[in-house]
Structures are given as structure tokens and as C-alpha cells.
Amino acid sequence: MWIFFAVAASILTGLALLAGFRLWLPLRLGAWPTALLWAAAQILAWTPLVLLALRHRLPAHRSLDLLAQTGWLVVGWLSVAFFVILVRDLLLGGVRALAWAGASPLWETVRGGLGSRTASLWICAAVTVYVVTGAVAACRMTRTVEVEVAVAGLHPDLEGLRIAQISDLHIGSGIRGRHIRLVVEAANALGPDLVAFTGDLADGLPRHLAAEAAPLAELRAPLGRYFITGNHEYYSDAEGWLAVASGLGFRTLVNEHEVLARGDARLVVAGVPDPQGAGFLPHHRPRPDLALAGAPAADFRLLLAHRPSQAPAAAAAGFHLMLCGHTHGGQYHPFTWIADKANLYLHGLHRHAERLWVYVSRGTGTWGPPMRVGAPTEITLLTLRAR
């Protein structure tokens, strides 16, 4: 874990230095203002890492939440600025090459404009507007997304079955009881038959944050509420969070299943832990086949798995639908593109193999920089339809 913090701190230091040399120095603010700006950005960028490292020792407190959120916004600013600087410098490199090749003097003018004080000022302003826009979007009430899943040969008694999915809530800094109550109200308003929570409930220890999760006990679904672990549970006492979820009325599924009846139809709901769990608890290795072990023949098989990467194993085990999250849809550019390359599916409904449908939620909360651009938060209502 300390290797992670060392690498992350090094990256953040590099981002702050890059912004200092490529954006803030060209502004010609003076030596001391530039040094103070860099120092403030560096300290604030490191703050979320420090608070993460000390999360087992520090109690949850609003002032620490505010400090962490401010630091994460600085991290968001530096990360967006990095890619803008990268694009500008690539353009400058191309213009410089053309100038050396004896191209028109116009290229010298373009090169001077891209590298000017005015250009740096515009970049700083544009990145700030982008970050503020993303932060405002992240603070908005989570939207509801309704999706119909067409299933070949669906039993008539499962026609219209409504599944509400909540994922990646990340209770902690910025996401507390009031926000969670609004999520619960929105989910209940959808009138689901079943609620699925697909991991990453909180960032922090149960003894600090369990009370904030209390509104989730008010979720209503006649066929039950089901919970699986995401990777973040394992950073802060996964077994403790499983106990919290159970106390809130969820049926926790760790390579397990439950058989439900709706009319004459039989439905199996199974769940697997996040792959990272095996590094903390050996028996928490995800096994979709094991999750179905001993299950009777069923008309529909639903798997809850935190990551889309479990789709091939879910298809091999014979599931009809897999619900997952983890990706957050990338949250904001350019990480939307990066997350798209790093995951089997980024968001939305996808057909995998012949029988399996995979739905990837963009998440109900945020992690890291509290920003959402092009990847809004969601509560999902999936309705089964016969095809």
C-alpha cells in the first residue's frame, strides 16, 4: 500500500511541477507569487493522499471532508491541465518542425501564440471553468436511467420485473446521509421488485461511516435487496462493511446465490466479490460458477459483479444478466477515454457472447476528484422484457 502512496505522490508532484513550468511561469506573476501558487497546489494535491493514509486513525469530520474535497479538486485541475499542456506542446512541436523545415513565417506567429502568456492565461481559465462545471454536475441529484433488457424465452411471470441498481456510492468525503436519503427516495420512487447494490459502498472504516449509510435501510423491494463487495470495501475492513450491509437489510452474496419465486417463475440472484478481494481475504476470489453451485434449474439467472471483467466467466456459468459498476464511466475527460480502454465495457447495456447481457452503471457517487463531465451519476432501473 505504501508503494501506491509513493507512486501517487510522485505523479502529483510531477503534475504540479509541469503546471508550474508550462503554465504559471509564463504568466509572469513574479517569483514569490508563482512559488506560493505552486506550493499551495502541491500541498493541496497531497492532502487527499495523506488523509487516505491516515483514514484508520482519523475520525470522520466535516472539516476533513472539506479539506479532502478541495485537495481532490486541485488534483482534478492538475490532471486536466496535464492533458491540455500535452496537446499544446505536441502542436508546438509540430509547428517548430515546420519552421525548421523552412515553412512560411506564419508558423512562427502560430508558435509564438501557443507559447505566449495569453495562451497560458486562457488555458488556466479554461481548465478552471471545466473543473467548476464538473464539480457542479457532481453535486446535482443523481439521475435515474431506465433500461429495458430483452430476454429470449423469458418466462411470462418475469415479464416486467424491475431491478433497481445502485453502485459505487462511495460514502465518505462529500457523500453523506442527506445525499444518501435522496438516493433512497429516488430508488423507491421507481417501484423496483429487487434492489442490487454492486459494490463500493464507502471509503473509510465502518466505525466512522456506518451511521451515514443508515438511510439505505429504507430501500423497499418485495423480492429483496442484495449487496456485493467492490474493491474499495477491501481497503477499509470488507468484513465489517459486509456486516453493516447485512444490518441494513441487504442479503450479502460472496460467491453465493439465492432462489426467488415470482408467480410460477424461478429466479436465481447470485453475487461474487471483487477480484481485489482475494488479496485481502483468500476465500473472496470471484467465482461465478461457485456462486451458482447447488442452484436448481431456473428461468432467469442474475449475477451481481463489481467489474465488467467478470463477463466471460458469467457467460460460461450460464447467467442471463450481469450487473456491475466500477468504471464510473470515467467521470471526466480524458479519463473517460482511458477508462474505456482499461475496461471490457465502460457503461451501458452490452450483449456478451450468445446469451449474456451486461449492464455497467456509471455509479451513483464519485471517487477522487468530485467531478462529472460526460459521465453523469445514475440510479438504474432495468426492466425485463420477453424477446
Protein backbone atom coordinates (compact mmCIF):
# COMPACT_ATOMS: atom_id res chain seq x y z
CA MET A 1 0.00 0.00 0.00
CA TRP A 2 2.86 2.39 0.76
CA ILE A 3 4.18 1.79 -2.75
CA PHE A 4 0.85 3.11 -4.05
CA PHE A 5 1.13 6.27 -1.96
CA ALA A 6 4.75 6.84 -3.02
CA VAL A 7 3.91 6.45 -6.70
CA ALA A 8 0.80 8.63 -6.41
CA ALA A 9 2.71 11.36 -4.55
CA SER A 10 5.44 11.29 -7.22
CA ILE A 11 2.88 11.63 -10.00
CA LEU A 12 1.15 14.53 -8.27
CA THR A 13 4.48 16.25 -7.71
CA GLY A 14 5.27 15.85 -11.40
CA LEU A 15 1.89 17.28 -12.40
CA ALA A 16 2.35 20.31 -10.14
CA LEU A 17 5.87 20.93 -11.47
CA LEU A 18 4.64 20.65 -15.05
CA ALA A 19 1.84 23.14 -14.42
CA GLY A 20 4.32 25.46 -12.71
CA PHE A 21 6.88 25.46 -15.53
CA ARG A 22 4.50 25.30 -18.50
CA LEU A 23 1.60 27.46 -17.29
CA TRP A 24 2.34 29.53 -14.20
CA LEU A 25 5.86 30.75 -15.00
CA PRO A 26 4.75 32.10 -18.42
CA LEU A 27 2.09 34.15 -16.60
CA ARG A 28 4.97 36.25 -15.18
CA LEU A 29 3.31 36.74 -11.80
CA GLY A 30 6.66 37.16 -10.10
CA ALA A 31 8.91 34.72 -8.29
CA TRP A 32 7.18 34.71 -4.92
CA PRO A 33 3.55 34.54 -6.16
CA THR A 34 4.48 31.71 -8.54
CA ALA A 35 6.31 29.82 -5.77
CA LEU A 36 3.35 30.26 -3.39
CA LEU A 37 0.91 29.10 -6.08
CA TRP A 38 2.99 26.01 -6.74
CA ALA A 39 3.40 25.25 -3.01
CA ALA A 40 -0.34 25.63 -2.36
CA ALA A 41 -1.22 23.37 -5.29
CA GLN A 42 1.34 20.78 -4.23
CA ILE A 43 0.22 20.68 -0.59
CA LEU A 44 -3.48 20.51 -1.51
CA ALA A 45 -2.82 17.79 -4.09
CA TRP A 46 -1.02 15.71 -1.48
CA THR A 47 -3.76 16.27 1.13
CA PRO A 48 -6.19 13.56 -0.07
CA LEU A 49 -3.34 11.03 -0.10
CA VAL A 50 -2.35 11.94 3.46
CA LEU A 51 -5.95 11.67 4.63
CA LEU A 52 -6.31 8.30 2.88
CA ALA A 53 -3.15 7.05 4.57
CA LEU A 54 -4.44 8.17 7.97
CA ARG A 55 -8.09 7.13 7.48
CA HIS A 56 -7.78 4.35 10.09
CA ARG A 57 -6.64 6.84 12.72
CA LEU A 58 -8.65 9.96 11.96
CA PRO A 59 -12.37 10.16 12.80
CA ALA A 60 -14.78 11.33 10.12
CA HIS A 61 -15.25 15.09 10.38
CA ARG A 62 -16.78 17.74 8.13
CA SER A 63 -13.63 19.88 8.16
CA LEU A 64 -11.56 16.94 6.95
CA ASP A 65 -14.17 16.23 4.28
CA LEU A 66 -13.92 19.81 3.03
CA LEU A 67 -10.13 19.65 3.02
CA ALA A 68 -10.15 16.36 1.12
CA GLN A 69 -12.67 17.63 -1.44
CA THR A 70 -10.61 20.78 -2.02
CA GLY A 71 -7.48 18.71 -2.49
CA TRP A 72 -9.24 16.37 -4.92
CA LEU A 73 -10.43 19.34 -6.98
CA VAL A 74 -6.82 20.52 -7.22
CA VAL A 75 -5.86 17.02 -8.37
CA GLY A 76 -8.63 17.23 -10.96
CA TRP A 77 -7.35 20.63 -12.13
CA LEU A 78 -3.78 19.35 -12.47
CA SER A 79 -4.86 16.20 -14.31
CA VAL A 80 -6.93 18.12 -16.86
CA ALA A 81 -4.19 20.75 -17.24
CA PHE A 82 -1.65 17.98 -17.93
CA PHE A 83 -3.53 16.78 -20.99
CA VAL A 84 -4.16 20.31 -22.26
CA ILE A 85 -0.44 21.07 -21.89
CA LEU A 86 0.37 17.79 -23.63
CA VAL A 87 -1.82 18.66 -26.63
CA ARG A 88 -0.43 22.20 -26.80
CA ASP A 89 3.17 21.00 -26.63
CA LEU A 90 2.55 18.45 -29.36
CA LEU A 91 1.18 21.25 -31.53
CA LEU A 92 4.18 23.42 -30.67
CA GLY A 93 6.50 20.56 -31.60
CA GLY A 94 4.81 20.21 -34.97
CA VAL A 95 4.93 23.94 -35.62
CA ARG A 96 8.60 24.07 -34.62
CA ALA A 97 9.38 21.22 -37.02
CA LEU A 98 7.65 23.07 -39.84
CA ALA A 99 9.57 26.23 -39.01
CA TRP A 100 12.90 24.36 -39.12
CA ALA A 101 11.88 22.91 -42.48
CA GLY A 102 11.65 26.44 -43.85
CA ALA A 103 7.88 26.80 -43.89
CA SER A 104 6.08 30.13 -44.08
CA PRO A 105 6.77 32.75 -41.35
CA LEU A 106 3.12 32.28 -40.42
CA TRP A 107 4.20 29.21 -38.47
CA GLU A 108 6.46 31.34 -36.30
CA THR A 109 3.44 33.51 -35.46
CA VAL A 110 1.38 30.46 -34.52
CA ARG A 111 4.22 29.10 -32.41
CA GLY A 112 4.53 32.42 -30.59
CA GLY A 113 0.80 32.50 -29.91
CA LEU A 114 0.63 28.98 -28.48
CA GLY A 115 3.53 29.60 -26.15
CA SER A 116 2.56 33.11 -25.07
CA ARG A 117 1.48 34.48 -21.70
CA THR A 118 -2.01 35.00 -23.11
CA ALA A 119 -2.23 31.35 -24.16
CA SER A 120 -1.23 30.22 -20.65
CA LEU A 121 -3.83 32.54 -19.16
CA TRP A 122 -6.54 31.14 -21.42
CA ILE A 123 -5.55 27.57 -20.61
CA CYS A 124 -5.70 28.24 -16.86
CA ALA A 125 -9.10 29.88 -17.24
CA ALA A 126 -10.50 27.10 -19.46
CA VAL A 127 -9.30 24.33 -17.13
CA THR A 128 -10.80 26.15 -14.14
CA VAL A 129 -14.17 26.52 -15.89
CA TYR A 130 -14.06 22.83 -16.83
CA VAL A 131 -13.34 21.76 -13.24
CA VAL A 132 -16.05 24.02 -11.79
CA THR A 133 -18.56 22.71 -14.35
CA GLY A 134 -17.65 19.12 -13.45
CA ALA A 135 -17.90 19.82 -9.72
CA VAL A 136 -21.34 21.40 -10.10
CA ALA A 137 -22.52 18.41 -12.15
CA ALA A 138 -21.23 16.01 -9.48
CA CYS A 139 -23.23 17.85 -6.81
CA ARG A 140 -26.50 17.53 -8.71
CA MET A 141 -29.06 14.94 -7.69
CA THR A 142 -28.32 11.55 -9.17
CA ARG A 143 -30.40 10.95 -12.30
CA THR A 144 -32.40 7.80 -12.92
CA VAL A 145 -31.73 5.77 -16.05
CA GLU A 146 -34.36 3.30 -17.30
CA VAL A 147 -33.22 0.37 -19.43
CA GLU A 148 -35.22 -2.46 -20.96
CA VAL A 149 -33.48 -5.83 -21.25
CA ALA A 150 -34.89 -8.09 -23.94
CA VAL A 151 -34.52 -11.75 -22.93
CA ALA A 152 -35.24 -14.57 -25.34
CA GLY A 153 -37.73 -17.07 -23.96
CA LEU A 154 -38.38 -15.04 -20.78
CA HIS A 155 -40.93 -16.72 -18.52
CA PRO A 156 -44.24 -14.79 -18.66
CA ASP A 157 -44.21 -14.28 -14.89
CA LEU A 158 -40.89 -12.44 -15.16
CA GLU A 159 -42.17 -10.04 -17.80
CA GLY A 160 -41.82 -6.51 -16.45
CA LEU A 161 -39.60 -7.49 -13.48
CA ARG A 162 -37.98 -4.25 -12.26
CA ILE A 163 -34.44 -4.22 -10.85
CA ALA A 164 -33.01 -1.06 -9.30
CA GLN A 165 -29.22 -0.88 -9.34
CA ILE A 166 -27.15 1.32 -7.05
CA SER A 167 -23.38 1.18 -7.42
CA ASP A 168 -20.20 2.96 -6.36
CA LEU A 169 -21.84 5.22 -3.81
CA HIS A 170 -18.52 5.90 -2.06
CA ILE A 171 -19.88 7.23 1.20
CA GLY A 172 -17.24 9.48 2.71
CA SER A 173 -15.98 12.93 1.89
CA GLY A 174 -18.73 14.80 0.09
CA ILE A 175 -21.30 11.98 0.19
CA ARG A 176 -23.16 11.75 3.47
CA GLY A 177 -26.53 10.93 4.99
CA ARG A 178 -28.58 13.69 3.31
CA HIS A 179 -27.37 12.73 -0.16
CA ILE A 180 -27.98 9.06 0.57
CA ARG A 181 -31.55 9.79 1.71
CA LEU A 182 -32.19 11.46 -1.65
CA VAL A 183 -30.78 8.40 -3.43
CA VAL A 184 -33.08 6.13 -1.40
CA GLU A 185 -36.12 8.30 -2.16
CA ALA A 186 -35.31 8.27 -5.89
CA ALA A 187 -34.81 4.49 -5.91
CA ASN A 188 -38.03 3.82 -4.01
CA ALA A 189 -39.94 6.10 -6.41
CA LEU A 190 -39.03 3.70 -9.22
CA GLY A 191 -41.03 0.92 -7.56
CA PRO A 192 -38.45 -1.86 -8.03
CA ASP A 193 -39.14 -5.52 -7.36
CA LEU A 194 -35.50 -6.08 -6.43
CA VAL A 195 -32.58 -3.82 -5.44
CA ALA A 196 -28.99 -4.65 -6.36
CA PHE A 197 -26.03 -2.82 -4.80
CA THR A 198 -22.97 -3.65 -6.89
CA GLY A 199 -20.10 -2.59 -4.63
CA ASP A 200 -18.02 0.33 -3.35
CA LEU A 201 -20.39 1.37 -0.60
CA ALA A 202 -17.94 3.58 1.31
CA ASP A 203 -14.41 4.92 1.63
CA GLY A 204 -13.45 4.58 5.26
CA LEU A 205 -13.93 2.39 8.28
CA PRO A 206 -17.37 1.13 9.32
CA ARG A 207 -16.97 2.62 12.80
CA HIS A 208 -16.60 6.06 11.19
CA LEU A 209 -19.15 5.89 8.39
CA ALA A 210 -21.71 3.17 9.17
CA ALA A 211 -24.17 5.73 10.58
CA GLU A 212 -24.06 7.65 7.28
CA ALA A 213 -25.27 4.52 5.44
CA ALA A 214 -28.33 4.16 7.70
CA PRO A 215 -30.85 5.58 5.17
CA LEU A 216 -30.18 2.56 2.92
CA ALA A 217 -32.24 0.50 5.37
CA GLU A 218 -35.30 2.31 3.98
CA LEU A 219 -34.92 0.88 0.47
CA ARG A 220 -38.06 -1.06 -0.46
CA ALA A 221 -38.22 -4.06 -2.78
CA PRO A 222 -40.59 -7.04 -2.33
CA LEU A 223 -38.10 -9.57 -3.75
CA GLY A 224 -35.25 -8.32 -1.57
CA ARG A 225 -32.10 -6.20 -1.51
CA TYR A 226 -28.74 -7.68 -2.45
CA PHE A 227 -25.18 -6.49 -1.86
CA ILE A 228 -21.74 -7.43 -3.13
CA THR A 229 -18.31 -6.00 -2.34
CA GLY A 230 -16.36 -3.71 -4.63
CA ASN A 231 -12.64 -3.12 -4.44
CA HIS A 232 -12.97 -0.19 -2.00
CA GLU A 233 -14.53 -2.29 0.74
CA TYR A 234 -11.26 -4.21 0.98
CA TYR A 235 -9.25 -1.06 1.70
CA SER A 236 -11.28 -0.43 4.87
CA ASP A 237 -12.45 -3.69 6.51
CA ALA A 238 -14.53 -5.61 3.97
CA GLU A 239 -15.95 -7.99 6.56
CA GLY A 240 -17.04 -5.02 8.64
CA TRP A 241 -18.85 -3.48 5.67
CA LEU A 242 -20.50 -6.80 4.85
CA ALA A 243 -21.81 -6.83 8.42
CA VAL A 244 -23.06 -3.25 8.03
CA ALA A 245 -24.84 -4.13 4.78
CA SER A 246 -26.43 -7.16 6.41
CA GLY A 247 -27.59 -5.00 9.31
CA LEU A 248 -29.21 -2.61 6.81
CA GLY A 249 -31.31 -5.46 5.47
CA PHE A 250 -29.25 -6.49 2.45
CA ARG A 251 -28.62 -10.13 1.60
CA THR A 252 -24.86 -10.18 1.11
CA LEU A 253 -23.57 -12.50 -1.60
CA VAL A 254 -19.97 -13.77 -1.54
CA ASN A 255 -19.85 -16.42 -4.26
CA GLU A 256 -23.38 -17.29 -3.17
CA HIS A 257 -26.89 -17.24 -4.57
CA GLU A 258 -30.50 -17.02 -3.51
CA VAL A 259 -33.50 -18.55 -5.25
CA LEU A 260 -36.62 -16.41 -5.62
CA ALA A 261 -40.10 -17.14 -6.93
CA ARG A 262 -42.33 -14.78 -8.89
CA GLY A 263 -45.55 -16.48 -9.78
CA ASP A 264 -44.58 -19.79 -11.37
CA ALA A 265 -41.16 -18.49 -12.41
CA ARG A 266 -37.95 -19.21 -10.57
CA LEU A 267 -35.21 -16.57 -10.41
CA VAL A 268 -31.65 -17.04 -9.13
CA VAL A 269 -29.77 -13.99 -7.83
CA ALA A 270 -26.04 -14.62 -7.35
CA GLY A 271 -23.11 -12.41 -6.39
CA VAL A 272 -19.32 -12.52 -6.45
CA PRO A 273 -16.75 -10.37 -4.62
CA ASP A 274 -14.39 -8.01 -6.39
CA PRO A 275 -11.21 -9.66 -7.79
CA GLN A 276 -9.09 -7.49 -5.49
CA GLY A 277 -10.69 -9.20 -2.52
CA ALA A 278 -8.55 -12.31 -2.93
CA GLY A 279 -5.50 -10.29 -1.90
CA PHE A 280 -7.13 -9.48 1.45
CA LEU A 281 -9.36 -12.49 2.12
CA PRO A 282 -8.36 -15.68 0.25
CA HIS A 283 -11.91 -17.01 0.04
CA HIS A 284 -13.05 -13.78 -1.66
CA ARG A 285 -11.83 -14.79 -5.11
CA PRO A 286 -14.70 -14.21 -7.56
CA ARG A 287 -16.15 -17.47 -8.88
CA PRO A 288 -19.41 -17.09 -10.87
CA ASP A 289 -19.51 -20.87 -11.26
CA LEU A 290 -19.18 -21.34 -7.49
CA ALA A 291 -21.87 -18.72 -6.90
CA LEU A 292 -24.27 -20.97 -8.81
CA ALA A 293 -23.17 -24.20 -7.12
CA GLY A 294 -26.19 -26.14 -5.87
CA ALA A 295 -28.69 -23.81 -7.53
CA PRO A 296 -31.76 -25.52 -9.01
CA ALA A 297 -32.83 -25.05 -12.61
CA ALA A 298 -34.12 -21.51 -13.01
CA ASP A 299 -35.94 -19.42 -15.60
CA PHE A 300 -33.57 -16.49 -15.16
CA ARG A 301 -30.12 -16.12 -13.61
CA LEU A 302 -28.86 -12.73 -12.45
CA LEU A 303 -25.25 -12.09 -11.39
CA LEU A 304 -24.00 -9.12 -9.39
CA ALA A 305 -20.29 -8.49 -10.04
CA HIS A 306 -18.46 -5.26 -9.38
CA ARG A 307 -16.30 -5.23 -12.54
CA PRO A 308 -17.24 -5.77 -16.20
CA SER A 309 -14.20 -8.06 -16.49
CA GLN A 310 -16.27 -10.85 -14.94
CA ALA A 311 -18.46 -11.10 -18.06
CA PRO A 312 -16.64 -14.04 -19.72
CA ALA A 313 -16.86 -16.15 -16.54
CA ALA A 314 -20.50 -15.12 -16.08
CA ALA A 315 -21.34 -16.17 -19.64
CA ALA A 316 -19.57 -19.50 -19.16
CA ALA A 317 -21.56 -20.13 -15.96
CA GLY A 318 -24.85 -19.59 -17.80
CA PHE A 319 -26.12 -16.25 -16.46
CA HIS A 320 -28.63 -14.20 -18.42
CA LEU A 321 -27.82 -10.76 -16.99
CA MET A 322 -24.82 -9.34 -15.12
CA LEU A 323 -24.97 -6.01 -13.29
CA CYS A 324 -21.72 -4.22 -12.50
CA GLY A 325 -20.14 -0.81 -11.96
CA HIS A 326 -16.56 0.15 -11.03
CA THR A 327 -15.76 2.24 -14.12
CA HIS A 328 -17.71 5.39 -13.11
CA GLY A 329 -17.93 5.94 -16.86
CA GLY A 330 -14.51 7.58 -16.47
CA GLN A 331 -16.10 10.54 -14.56
CA TYR A 332 -14.49 13.23 -16.75
CA HIS A 333 -12.33 13.68 -19.81
CA PRO A 334 -9.73 12.46 -20.61
CA PHE A 335 -10.33 9.65 -18.11
CA THR A 336 -13.49 8.65 -19.96
CA TRP A 337 -11.23 7.58 -22.85
CA ILE A 338 -8.68 5.94 -20.54
CA ALA A 339 -11.36 4.01 -18.62
CA ASP A 340 -12.85 2.89 -21.93
CA LYS A 341 -9.54 1.29 -22.91
CA ALA A 342 -8.93 -0.18 -19.44
CA ASN A 343 -12.29 -1.96 -19.08
CA LEU A 344 -14.15 -4.56 -21.06
CA TYR A 345 -17.17 -2.23 -21.14
CA LEU A 346 -17.31 1.39 -19.99
CA HIS A 347 -21.03 1.92 -19.34
CA GLY A 348 -24.46 0.95 -20.57
CA LEU A 349 -26.04 -2.28 -21.81
CA HIS A 350 -23.97 -4.74 -23.84
CA ARG A 351 -24.52 -8.18 -25.31
CA HIS A 352 -21.70 -10.54 -24.33
CA ALA A 353 -21.48 -13.91 -26.05
CA GLU A 354 -24.73 -15.53 -27.12
CA ARG A 355 -26.92 -15.27 -24.04
CA LEU A 356 -25.47 -12.81 -21.51
CA TRP A 357 -26.47 -9.18 -21.17
CA VAL A 358 -24.06 -6.93 -19.22
CA TYR A 359 -25.11 -3.61 -17.75
CA VAL A 360 -22.38 -1.28 -16.45
CA SER A 361 -23.51 1.56 -14.19
CA ARG A 362 -21.68 4.90 -14.27
CA GLY A 363 -22.02 4.87 -10.49
CA THR A 364 -24.23 6.66 -8.00
CA GLY A 365 -21.41 8.62 -6.32
CA THR A 366 -17.91 9.80 -7.18
CA TRP A 367 -14.39 8.91 -6.15
CA GLY A 368 -11.29 11.07 -6.39
CA PRO A 369 -11.92 14.49 -7.93
CA PRO A 370 -15.62 15.21 -7.32
CA MET A 371 -16.24 15.94 -10.99
CA ARG A 372 -18.60 14.57 -13.60
CA VAL A 373 -18.33 15.65 -17.24
CA GLY A 374 -19.90 13.44 -19.89
CA ALA A 375 -20.44 10.67 -17.33
CA PRO A 376 -23.33 11.63 -15.02
CA THR A 377 -24.12 9.65 -11.88
CA GLU A 378 -27.06 7.29 -12.05
CA ILE A 379 -29.55 5.04 -10.33
CA THR A 380 -30.58 2.43 -12.88
CA LEU A 381 -33.92 0.74 -13.34
CA LEU A 382 -33.66 -2.37 -15.51
CA THR A 383 -36.91 -3.91 -16.71
CA LEU A 384 -37.02 -7.45 -18.13
CA ARG A 385 -38.93 -7.88 -21.40
CA ALA A 386 -39.63 -11.00 -23.46
CA ARG A 387 -37.98 -11.10 -26.86
